[in-house]
């Protein structure tokens, strides 16, 4: 949003590269929020209240700008804010022409990539991004032990907030996409690109598909900069900023910067809070080192678990900053393996799959725990059982079926968006180490988990069948 709010000439201070600047900013944020997390749920909750309401109020302003977006406003905003290397204003047609230019981008051109897997391949790729956007929707349950009467308040809160968030995401997407998909429409038949809608066969592309593709396609060398276009990626706030400029409100685009910063910053404290509680619970159950379950007497927070979570989060700063992206400051040679594993687009689908696997197993437990006599104690002592035994079984069965479908989409999503691409729709395996890195990484994680399981089962004599019989202290 920087170039949209402050002009295309905006650059990090002191001549530092953009990726190193983003890394330093991320580093500072993680350290600050880790320190806050040490002081417990109460202080973190108060901080989140302040951090939430600022962007929540500004959301109405963003919606207002999106509602005023039109082909004329967006085109005018692009001319005002986005400049080509030649100094001329960027136009919507520049993006569509670049994305469909096989001479410029080779086999990475959009018409050669988007057909991989057909309609369901496109659905799989969409699931990768959509699921990643919603990861964390159940994270607040991990701090239920620190909430008064969580069995009464938390389910209702989760349900209401989930409905609101889904409506917000879907409505923003509908409003934004409805404007962009009709701008600079081009028809592609083979390698022939013509302006205007397709009258017969062929594939239609617009500013929406072209700009999105050049922003997030993950194909090495197929980027906005490679296409000699402004490097501002397509975000909701980007579109809002262009709309504002097109209706003479561009001077207030700094508000969108504040909006974006606060929404992104809102992600960090909850995950430090919840991830540290997972480590604490596993340590309490004797499946991780005992010091991780140490609780600070004054702030009642698992201080060691919080610090370890913060250290791991620092590693994520390397990835999210783009330092290891192809051509990044720590990957100037565009090493494909480094870019895949540590790049800003690497591991998105892998993270999705790990999260979906967790919920697949969780819903499976909802289905079978009420039915297994040997596990009856876990079900009987659970404080929240909607619908009783029958209701839990129905919820478990429905959730398990839904998660299996999601798992399938994630495993079959064509590369490069899909890390696994089991049917090899979007690529051919030429270098097994690089092309199948997600498979090797998953195997390593599974082996490490198995070793931890066996070690603590033998050393601490943890009885995994009864670890839920004792609940961690509140």
Protein backbone atom coordinates (compact mmCIF):
# COMPACT_ATOMS: atom_id res chain seq x y z
CA UNK A 1 0.00 0.00 0.00
CA UNK A 2 2.97 2.33 0.39
CA UNK A 3 3.21 3.29 -3.31
CA UNK A 4 -0.57 3.66 -3.53
CA UNK A 5 -0.69 6.02 -0.56
CA UNK A 6 2.60 7.88 -0.90
CA UNK A 7 3.56 7.56 -4.55
CA UNK A 8 5.49 5.07 -6.69
CA UNK A 9 8.79 6.61 -5.62
CA UNK A 10 8.36 5.44 -2.02
CA UNK A 11 11.31 3.36 -0.81
CA UNK A 12 12.61 2.05 2.55
CA UNK A 13 14.83 4.50 4.46
CA UNK A 14 18.61 4.46 4.30
CA UNK A 15 18.75 2.61 0.99
CA UNK A 16 17.88 -0.70 2.67
CA UNK A 17 16.23 -3.23 0.38
CA UNK A 18 12.48 -3.79 0.69
CA UNK A 19 12.79 -7.40 1.86
CA UNK A 20 15.30 -6.54 4.62
CA UNK A 21 13.09 -3.61 5.68
CA UNK A 22 10.05 -5.91 5.94
CA UNK A 23 12.14 -8.43 7.90
CA UNK A 24 13.23 -5.80 10.44
CA UNK A 25 9.68 -4.50 10.87
CA UNK A 26 8.37 -8.04 11.32
CA UNK A 27 11.15 -8.79 13.79
CA UNK A 28 10.25 -5.79 15.94
CA UNK A 29 6.54 -6.66 15.89
CA UNK A 30 7.15 -10.29 16.90
CA UNK A 31 9.46 -9.26 19.76
CA UNK A 32 6.98 -6.67 21.05
CA UNK A 33 4.00 -9.03 20.92
CA UNK A 34 6.02 -11.87 22.49
CA UNK A 35 6.84 -9.61 25.43
CA UNK A 36 3.14 -8.70 25.68
CA UNK A 37 2.25 -12.39 25.59
CA UNK A 38 4.46 -13.02 28.61
CA UNK A 39 2.10 -10.84 30.66
CA UNK A 40 -0.82 -13.19 30.06
CA UNK A 41 -4.26 -13.30 28.48
CA UNK A 42 -5.65 -10.24 30.27
CA UNK A 43 -3.14 -7.74 28.91
CA UNK A 44 -3.12 -9.38 25.46
CA UNK A 45 -6.92 -9.20 25.39
CA UNK A 46 -6.91 -5.50 26.19
CA UNK A 47 -4.33 -4.85 23.48
CA UNK A 48 -6.37 -6.80 20.93
CA UNK A 49 -9.48 -4.82 21.84
CA UNK A 50 -7.71 -1.60 20.86
CA UNK A 51 -6.07 -3.14 17.80
CA UNK A 52 -9.34 -4.66 16.62
CA UNK A 53 -11.69 -1.70 16.81
CA UNK A 54 -9.48 0.69 14.82
CA UNK A 55 -9.47 -1.35 11.59
CA UNK A 56 -13.02 -2.59 12.29
CA UNK A 57 -14.31 0.99 12.08
CA UNK A 58 -12.13 1.71 9.04
CA UNK A 59 -13.64 -1.32 7.30
CA UNK A 60 -16.75 0.77 6.63
CA UNK A 61 -14.57 3.39 4.91
CA UNK A 62 -13.00 0.68 2.73
CA UNK A 63 -16.44 -0.66 1.83
CA UNK A 64 -17.47 2.85 0.88
CA UNK A 65 -14.51 3.20 -1.48
CA UNK A 66 -15.17 -0.21 -3.03
CA UNK A 67 -18.82 0.69 -3.57
CA UNK A 68 -17.66 3.72 -5.59
CA UNK A 69 -15.23 1.68 -7.69
CA UNK A 70 -15.98 1.68 -11.40
CA UNK A 71 -14.08 1.15 -14.62
CA UNK A 72 -13.61 4.92 -14.94
CA UNK A 73 -12.50 5.40 -11.32
CA UNK A 74 -10.05 2.48 -11.38
CA UNK A 75 -8.55 3.50 -14.72
CA UNK A 76 -8.18 7.08 -13.51
CA UNK A 77 -6.67 5.91 -10.21
CA UNK A 78 -4.13 3.74 -12.03
CA UNK A 79 -3.13 6.68 -14.22
CA UNK A 80 -2.65 8.85 -11.12
CA UNK A 81 -0.74 6.38 -8.94
CA UNK A 82 0.91 3.67 -11.06
CA UNK A 83 3.69 4.52 -13.48
CA UNK A 84 5.54 2.35 -16.00
CA UNK A 85 9.37 2.43 -16.16
CA UNK A 86 9.02 4.79 -19.12
CA UNK A 87 7.18 7.24 -16.86
CA UNK A 88 3.89 6.78 -18.66
CA UNK A 89 0.80 5.97 -16.59
CA UNK A 90 -0.10 2.29 -16.29
CA UNK A 91 -3.36 1.14 -17.86
CA UNK A 92 -5.48 -1.98 -17.27
CA UNK A 93 -4.60 -3.22 -20.75
CA UNK A 94 -0.89 -3.19 -19.80
CA UNK A 95 -1.54 -5.87 -17.17
CA UNK A 96 -3.68 -8.11 -19.36
CA UNK A 97 -1.28 -7.81 -22.29
CA UNK A 98 1.69 -8.66 -20.06
CA UNK A 99 0.04 -11.68 -18.44
CA UNK A 100 -0.94 -13.15 -21.82
CA UNK A 101 2.36 -12.35 -23.56
CA UNK A 102 4.11 -15.69 -24.21
CA UNK A 103 7.12 -13.92 -25.68
CA UNK A 104 7.65 -11.91 -22.51
CA UNK A 105 6.83 -14.59 -19.92
CA UNK A 106 7.28 -17.85 -21.88
CA UNK A 107 5.47 -20.91 -20.55
CA UNK A 108 4.58 -18.97 -17.46
CA UNK A 109 1.99 -16.98 -19.42
CA UNK A 110 -1.43 -17.08 -17.85
CA UNK A 111 -3.20 -19.00 -20.64
CA UNK A 112 -0.66 -21.83 -20.39
CA UNK A 113 -0.87 -22.05 -16.60
CA UNK A 114 -4.53 -21.54 -15.81
CA UNK A 115 -5.73 -24.49 -17.91
CA UNK A 116 -3.83 -26.95 -15.68
CA UNK A 117 -6.42 -29.22 -14.11
CA UNK A 118 -9.38 -27.51 -15.75
CA UNK A 119 -12.27 -26.21 -13.66
CA UNK A 120 -11.66 -28.45 -10.64
CA UNK A 121 -7.95 -27.66 -10.76
CA UNK A 122 -8.92 -23.99 -10.47
CA UNK A 123 -11.22 -24.84 -7.54
CA UNK A 124 -8.34 -26.65 -5.82
CA UNK A 125 -6.07 -23.64 -6.23
CA UNK A 126 -8.83 -21.37 -4.89
CA UNK A 127 -9.22 -23.64 -1.85
CA UNK A 128 -5.50 -23.22 -1.11
CA UNK A 129 -5.87 -19.46 -0.76
CA UNK A 130 -9.32 -19.49 0.84
CA UNK A 131 -8.42 -22.05 3.51
CA UNK A 132 -5.23 -20.17 4.37
CA UNK A 133 -7.30 -17.00 4.89
CA UNK A 134 -9.47 -18.78 7.48
CA UNK A 135 -6.73 -20.69 9.31
CA UNK A 136 -6.99 -19.86 12.97
CA UNK A 137 -10.78 -19.69 13.13
CA UNK A 138 -10.75 -22.19 16.01
CA UNK A 139 -7.53 -20.95 17.65
CA UNK A 140 -9.36 -19.17 20.44
CA UNK A 141 -10.48 -22.54 21.80
CA UNK A 142 -6.89 -23.21 22.85
CA UNK A 143 -7.18 -20.61 25.61
CA UNK A 144 -10.54 -21.86 26.85
CA UNK A 145 -8.95 -22.83 30.17
CA UNK A 146 -8.22 -19.16 30.84
CA UNK A 147 -11.76 -17.96 30.07
CA UNK A 148 -14.57 -17.91 32.64
CA UNK A 149 -17.44 -20.26 31.75
CA UNK A 150 -15.87 -20.95 28.36
CA UNK A 151 -18.34 -23.79 27.69
CA UNK A 152 -21.15 -21.21 27.63
CA UNK A 153 -19.61 -18.13 26.04
CA UNK A 154 -17.00 -19.51 23.64
CA UNK A 155 -19.22 -21.66 21.33
CA UNK A 156 -21.64 -18.76 20.83
CA UNK A 157 -18.77 -16.35 20.19
CA UNK A 158 -17.16 -18.69 17.65
CA UNK A 159 -20.40 -19.18 15.76
CA UNK A 160 -21.33 -15.51 15.59
CA UNK A 161 -17.83 -14.32 14.71
CA UNK A 162 -17.44 -17.01 12.02
CA UNK A 163 -20.69 -15.92 10.32
CA UNK A 164 -19.64 -12.26 10.44
CA UNK A 165 -16.15 -12.99 9.08
CA UNK A 166 -17.46 -15.17 6.26
CA UNK A 167 -19.99 -12.53 5.24
CA UNK A 168 -17.26 -9.86 5.36
CA UNK A 169 -14.79 -11.84 3.25
CA UNK A 170 -17.38 -12.92 0.68
CA UNK A 171 -18.95 -9.48 0.33
CA UNK A 172 -15.57 -7.78 -0.13
CA UNK A 173 -14.57 -10.36 -2.75
CA UNK A 174 -17.86 -9.98 -4.62
CA UNK A 175 -17.72 -6.20 -4.68
CA UNK A 176 -14.04 -6.06 -5.71
CA UNK A 177 -14.16 -8.81 -8.32
CA UNK A 178 -17.36 -7.55 -9.92
CA UNK A 179 -15.57 -4.30 -10.78
CA UNK A 180 -12.25 -5.66 -11.99
CA UNK A 181 -13.46 -8.63 -14.03
CA UNK A 182 -15.12 -6.33 -16.55
CA UNK A 183 -12.10 -4.07 -17.12
CA UNK A 184 -9.77 -4.56 -20.12
CA UNK A 185 -11.31 -7.87 -21.17
CA UNK A 186 -9.20 -9.80 -23.69
CA UNK A 187 -9.84 -13.06 -25.52
CA UNK A 188 -7.09 -15.67 -25.91
CA UNK A 189 -7.32 -18.39 -28.55
CA UNK A 190 -4.12 -20.43 -28.57
CA UNK A 191 -1.39 -17.81 -28.69
CA UNK A 192 -3.57 -15.14 -30.30
CA UNK A 193 -4.71 -12.36 -28.00
CA UNK A 194 -7.41 -9.90 -29.05
CA UNK A 195 -9.06 -7.08 -27.14
CA UNK A 196 -12.67 -7.60 -26.15
CA UNK A 197 -14.83 -10.48 -25.02
CA UNK A 198 -14.69 -13.86 -26.72
CA UNK A 199 -17.44 -14.29 -29.31
CA UNK A 200 -16.98 -18.02 -29.65
CA UNK A 201 -14.22 -20.23 -28.30
CA UNK A 202 -11.23 -19.11 -26.30
CA UNK A 203 -10.55 -17.91 -22.79
CA UNK A 204 -11.36 -14.49 -21.43
CA UNK A 205 -8.97 -12.56 -19.23
CA UNK A 206 -9.43 -9.23 -17.51
CA UNK A 207 -7.62 -6.88 -15.13
CA UNK A 208 -8.78 -9.09 -12.24
CA UNK A 209 -7.25 -12.34 -13.52
CA UNK A 210 -4.14 -10.72 -15.03
CA UNK A 211 -3.15 -8.55 -12.06
CA UNK A 212 -3.92 -11.34 -9.57
CA UNK A 213 -1.86 -13.80 -11.59
CA UNK A 214 1.16 -11.55 -11.90
CA UNK A 215 0.95 -10.76 -8.17
CA UNK A 216 0.61 -14.28 -6.72
CA UNK A 217 1.18 -17.00 -9.34
CA UNK A 218 4.36 -18.51 -7.74
CA UNK A 219 5.90 -19.26 -11.15
CA UNK A 220 9.63 -18.33 -11.01
CA UNK A 221 10.35 -15.28 -13.14
CA UNK A 222 6.69 -14.47 -13.77
CA UNK A 223 6.24 -11.33 -11.72
CA UNK A 224 5.08 -7.76 -12.04
CA UNK A 225 8.66 -6.53 -12.22
CA UNK A 226 9.54 -9.11 -14.92
CA UNK A 227 6.59 -7.81 -16.89
CA UNK A 228 7.94 -4.24 -16.48
CA UNK A 229 4.89 -3.16 -14.49
CA UNK A 230 4.56 -1.31 -11.16
CA UNK A 231 5.25 -3.74 -8.32
CA UNK A 232 2.15 -2.89 -6.25
CA UNK A 233 0.27 -6.17 -5.82
CA UNK A 234 -3.48 -6.48 -6.06
CA UNK A 235 -5.08 -6.33 -2.60
CA UNK A 236 -8.46 -5.13 -1.45
CA UNK A 237 -6.76 -2.03 -0.09
CA UNK A 238 -4.99 -1.51 -3.42
CA UNK A 239 -8.33 -1.45 -5.21
CA UNK A 240 -9.78 0.85 -2.55
CA UNK A 241 -6.82 3.21 -2.97
CA UNK A 242 -7.23 3.34 -6.74
CA UNK A 243 -10.93 4.00 -6.33
CA UNK A 244 -10.19 6.79 -3.85
CA UNK A 245 -7.74 8.42 -6.24
CA UNK A 246 -10.23 8.12 -9.08
CA UNK A 247 -12.89 10.01 -7.11
CA UNK A 248 -10.49 12.66 -5.79
CA UNK A 249 -9.94 11.16 -2.31
CA UNK A 250 -6.38 10.01 -2.96
CA UNK A 251 -4.94 12.36 -0.34
CA UNK A 252 -6.63 10.23 2.35
CA UNK A 253 -5.04 6.97 1.21
CA UNK A 254 -2.76 6.99 4.26
CA UNK A 255 -5.86 5.78 6.13
CA UNK A 256 -5.68 2.56 4.09
CA UNK A 257 -2.08 2.07 5.22
CA UNK A 258 -3.20 2.29 8.85
CA UNK A 259 -6.05 -0.11 8.05
CA UNK A 260 -3.72 -2.68 6.49
CA UNK A 261 -1.06 -2.46 9.21
CA UNK A 262 -3.57 -2.99 12.01
CA UNK A 263 -5.30 -5.93 10.34
CA UNK A 264 -1.98 -7.71 9.72
CA UNK A 265 -0.72 -6.89 13.23
CA UNK A 266 -3.94 -8.36 14.63
CA UNK A 267 -2.80 -11.81 13.45
CA UNK A 268 0.36 -11.98 15.54
CA UNK A 269 -0.77 -11.76 19.21
CA UNK A 270 -3.52 -14.41 18.91
CA UNK A 271 -1.18 -16.94 17.35
CA UNK A 272 1.55 -16.34 19.92
CA UNK A 273 -1.12 -16.73 22.59
CA UNK A 274 -2.68 -19.91 21.20
CA UNK A 275 0.48 -21.64 19.94
CA UNK A 276 2.14 -21.19 23.33
CA UNK A 277 -0.88 -22.82 25.01
CA UNK A 278 -0.56 -25.83 22.72
CA UNK A 279 3.08 -26.24 23.77
CA UNK A 280 2.06 -25.77 27.40
CA UNK A 281 -0.68 -28.42 27.18
CA UNK A 282 1.62 -30.93 25.47
CA UNK A 283 4.26 -30.34 28.10
CA UNK A 284 1.67 -30.74 30.85
CA UNK A 285 0.71 -34.07 29.27
CA UNK A 286 4.39 -35.08 29.40
CA UNK A 287 4.88 -35.27 25.64
CA UNK A 288 7.21 -32.25 25.48
CA UNK A 289 9.96 -31.04 27.85
CA UNK A 290 8.63 -30.19 31.32
CA UNK A 291 9.96 -26.56 31.43
CA UNK A 292 7.45 -25.60 28.72
CA UNK A 293 4.63 -26.08 31.23
CA UNK A 294 6.12 -23.66 33.77
CA UNK A 295 3.58 -20.95 34.65
CA UNK A 296 4.55 -17.49 35.85
CA UNK A 297 3.06 -17.00 39.32
CA UNK A 298 2.31 -13.33 38.83
CA UNK A 299 0.91 -13.24 35.29
CA UNK A 300 -0.35 -16.84 35.10
CA UNK A 301 1.15 -17.33 31.65
CA UNK A 302 3.33 -20.21 30.39
CA UNK A 303 6.33 -17.93 30.03
CA UNK A 304 8.76 -20.49 28.56
CA UNK A 305 6.21 -21.65 26.00
CA UNK A 306 5.54 -18.03 24.98
CA UNK A 307 9.26 -17.33 24.49
CA UNK A 308 9.77 -20.49 22.41
CA UNK A 309 6.78 -19.55 20.28
CA UNK A 310 8.22 -16.09 19.73
CA UNK A 311 11.58 -17.53 18.66
CA UNK A 312 9.89 -19.80 16.11
CA UNK A 313 7.82 -16.85 14.88
CA UNK A 314 11.05 -14.95 14.21
CA UNK A 315 11.94 -17.63 11.67
CA UNK A 316 8.72 -16.83 9.85
CA UNK A 317 9.93 -13.28 9.34
CA UNK A 318 12.59 -14.59 6.97
CA UNK A 319 9.94 -16.23 4.82
CA UNK A 320 7.25 -13.56 4.85
CA UNK A 321 9.70 -10.76 4.08
CA UNK A 322 10.66 -12.31 0.75
CA UNK A 323 14.37 -12.61 1.58
CA UNK A 324 14.40 -16.13 0.13
CA UNK A 325 12.16 -15.43 -2.85
CA UNK A 326 13.76 -15.83 -6.25
CA UNK A 327 16.02 -12.78 -6.61
CA UNK A 328 15.62 -11.89 -2.92
CA UNK A 329 18.53 -10.58 -0.86
CA UNK A 330 19.30 -14.07 0.51
CA UNK A 331 18.53 -15.89 -2.75
CA UNK A 332 20.03 -13.73 -5.45
CA UNK A 333 20.72 -16.80 -7.58
CA UNK A 334 17.00 -17.70 -7.53
CA UNK A 335 17.63 -21.17 -6.13
CA UNK A 336 14.39 -23.06 -6.75
CA UNK A 337 14.61 -25.17 -3.58
CA UNK A 338 15.19 -22.18 -1.29
CA UNK A 339 12.39 -20.26 -2.97
CA UNK A 340 9.98 -23.20 -2.64
CA UNK A 341 10.76 -23.98 1.00
CA UNK A 342 11.53 -20.56 2.49
CA UNK A 343 9.99 -18.13 0.00
CA UNK A 344 6.97 -15.98 0.80
CA UNK A 345 4.72 -18.23 -1.29
CA UNK A 346 6.29 -21.47 -0.11
CA UNK A 347 4.45 -23.72 2.29
CA UNK A 348 1.05 -22.01 2.07
CA UNK A 349 -0.67 -25.16 0.85
CA UNK A 350 1.45 -27.30 3.18
CA UNK A 351 0.30 -25.21 6.14
CA UNK A 352 -3.28 -25.64 4.91
CA UNK A 353 -2.91 -29.40 4.74
CA UNK A 354 -1.38 -29.74 8.21
CA UNK A 355 -4.22 -27.65 9.64
CA UNK A 356 -6.87 -29.58 7.71
CA UNK A 357 -5.33 -32.89 8.83
CA UNK A 358 -5.64 -31.77 12.45
CA UNK A 359 -9.34 -31.01 12.00
CA UNK A 360 -9.89 -34.23 10.05
CA UNK A 361 -8.60 -36.22 13.02
CA UNK A 362 -10.47 -33.97 15.45
CA UNK A 363 -13.82 -34.55 13.72
CA UNK A 364 -13.04 -38.26 13.57
CA UNK A 365 -12.64 -38.21 17.35
CA UNK A 366 -16.05 -36.50 17.68
CA UNK A 367 -17.51 -39.35 15.67
CA UNK A 368 -15.99 -42.24 17.62
CA UNK A 369 -15.43 -41.03 21.21
CA UNK A 370 -19.12 -41.26 22.15
CA UNK A 371 -19.23 -44.81 20.76
CA UNK A 372 -16.09 -46.31 22.29
CA UNK A 373 -16.56 -47.64 25.79
CA UNK A 374 -12.83 -47.39 26.50
CA UNK A 375 -12.90 -43.63 25.73
CA UNK A 376 -16.19 -42.92 27.44
CA UNK A 377 -14.54 -40.97 30.24
CA UNK A 378 -13.28 -38.33 27.81
CA UNK A 379 -16.75 -37.84 26.37
CA UNK A 380 -18.49 -37.87 29.77
CA UNK A 381 -16.17 -35.23 31.27
CA UNK A 382 -16.38 -32.90 28.26
CA UNK A 383 -18.09 -29.64 29.40
CA UNK A 384 -19.70 -28.97 26.00
CA UNK A 385 -21.67 -31.66 24.14
CA UNK A 386 -24.19 -30.03 21.75
CA UNK A 387 -27.02 -32.44 21.03
CA UNK A 388 -25.67 -35.04 23.41
CA UNK A 389 -24.35 -38.31 22.06
CA UNK A 390 -26.37 -38.20 18.83
CA UNK A 391 -25.54 -34.58 18.14
CA UNK A 392 -21.81 -35.16 18.58
CA UNK A 393 -21.88 -38.15 16.24
CA UNK A 394 -23.71 -36.16 13.55
CA UNK A 395 -21.35 -33.19 13.91
CA UNK A 396 -18.34 -35.50 13.75
CA UNK A 397 -19.59 -37.31 10.64
CA UNK A 398 -20.43 -34.07 8.79
CA UNK A 399 -17.16 -32.43 9.78
CA UNK A 400 -15.11 -35.47 8.85
CA UNK A 401 -16.72 -35.67 5.38
CA UNK A 402 -16.13 -31.95 4.77
CA UNK A 403 -12.50 -32.15 5.87
CA UNK A 404 -11.84 -35.17 3.66
CA UNK A 405 -13.07 -33.14 0.67
CA UNK A 406 -10.79 -30.25 1.65
CA UNK A 407 -7.84 -32.63 2.10
CA UNK A 408 -8.45 -33.96 -1.41
CA UNK A 409 -8.53 -30.49 -2.94
CA UNK A 410 -5.29 -29.54 -1.19
CA UNK A 411 -3.47 -32.71 -2.22
CA UNK A 412 -4.59 -32.45 -5.85
CA UNK A 413 -4.17 -28.67 -6.33
CA UNK A 414 -1.96 -28.15 -9.42
CA UNK A 415 1.54 -26.75 -8.92
CA UNK A 416 2.94 -24.24 -8.26
CA UNK A 417 0.09 -23.20 -5.95
CA UNK A 418 -0.22 -26.81 -4.82
CA UNK A 419 2.83 -28.10 -2.96
CA UNK A 420 1.90 -31.76 -3.51
CA UNK A 421 0.05 -31.88 -6.87
CA UNK A 422 -0.36 -35.68 -6.56
CA UNK A 423 -1.58 -36.05 -10.15
CA UNK A 424 1.32 -33.91 -11.39
CA UNK A 425 -1.08 -31.73 -13.37
CA UNK A 426 0.88 -28.51 -13.14
CA UNK A 427 4.43 -29.83 -13.42
CA UNK A 428 6.69 -32.67 -14.40
CA UNK A 429 9.06 -34.06 -11.77
CA UNK A 430 12.51 -33.33 -13.13
CA UNK A 431 14.30 -32.73 -9.83
CA UNK A 432 12.75 -34.92 -7.08
CA UNK A 433 14.48 -33.00 -4.27
CA UNK A 434 13.06 -29.65 -5.39
CA UNK A 435 9.79 -30.68 -7.00
CA UNK A 436 8.74 -33.02 -4.16
CA UNK A 437 10.10 -30.93 -1.27
CA UNK A 438 6.68 -30.82 0.45
CA UNK A 439 6.57 -34.62 0.53
CA UNK A 440 10.06 -34.87 2.06
CA UNK A 441 9.27 -32.16 4.59
CA UNK A 442 6.07 -33.93 5.64
CA UNK A 443 7.94 -37.22 6.06
CA UNK A 444 10.59 -35.50 8.21
CA UNK A 445 7.90 -33.87 10.39
CA UNK A 446 6.16 -37.24 10.78
CA UNK A 447 9.41 -38.96 11.75
CA UNK A 448 10.28 -36.26 14.28
CA UNK A 449 6.80 -36.53 15.76
CA UNK A 450 7.10 -40.33 15.99
CA UNK A 451 10.47 -40.05 17.71
CA UNK A 452 9.11 -37.54 20.25
CA UNK A 453 6.13 -39.83 20.85
CA UNK A 454 8.30 -42.89 21.46
CA UNK A 455 10.86 -41.01 23.55
CA UNK A 456 8.37 -39.58 26.01
CA UNK A 457 6.39 -42.78 26.12
CA UNK A 458 9.52 -44.64 27.23
CA UNK A 459 11.20 -41.92 29.35
CA UNK A 460 8.33 -40.14 31.08
CA UNK A 461 6.04 -43.18 30.89
CA UNK A 462 3.26 -40.99 29.56
CA UNK A 463 0.01 -42.91 29.20
CA UNK A 464 -1.44 -41.40 26.04
CA UNK A 465 -4.73 -43.18 26.63
CA UNK A 466 -5.46 -41.19 29.79
CA UNK A 467 -3.71 -37.84 29.35
CA UNK A 468 -7.06 -36.04 29.09
CA UNK A 469 -8.15 -37.33 32.48
CA UNK A 470 -6.17 -34.52 34.11
CA UNK A 471 -6.94 -31.01 32.88
CA UNK A 472 -4.20 -28.32 32.96
CA UNK A 473 -4.74 -25.70 35.69
CA UNK A 474 -6.63 -22.53 34.73
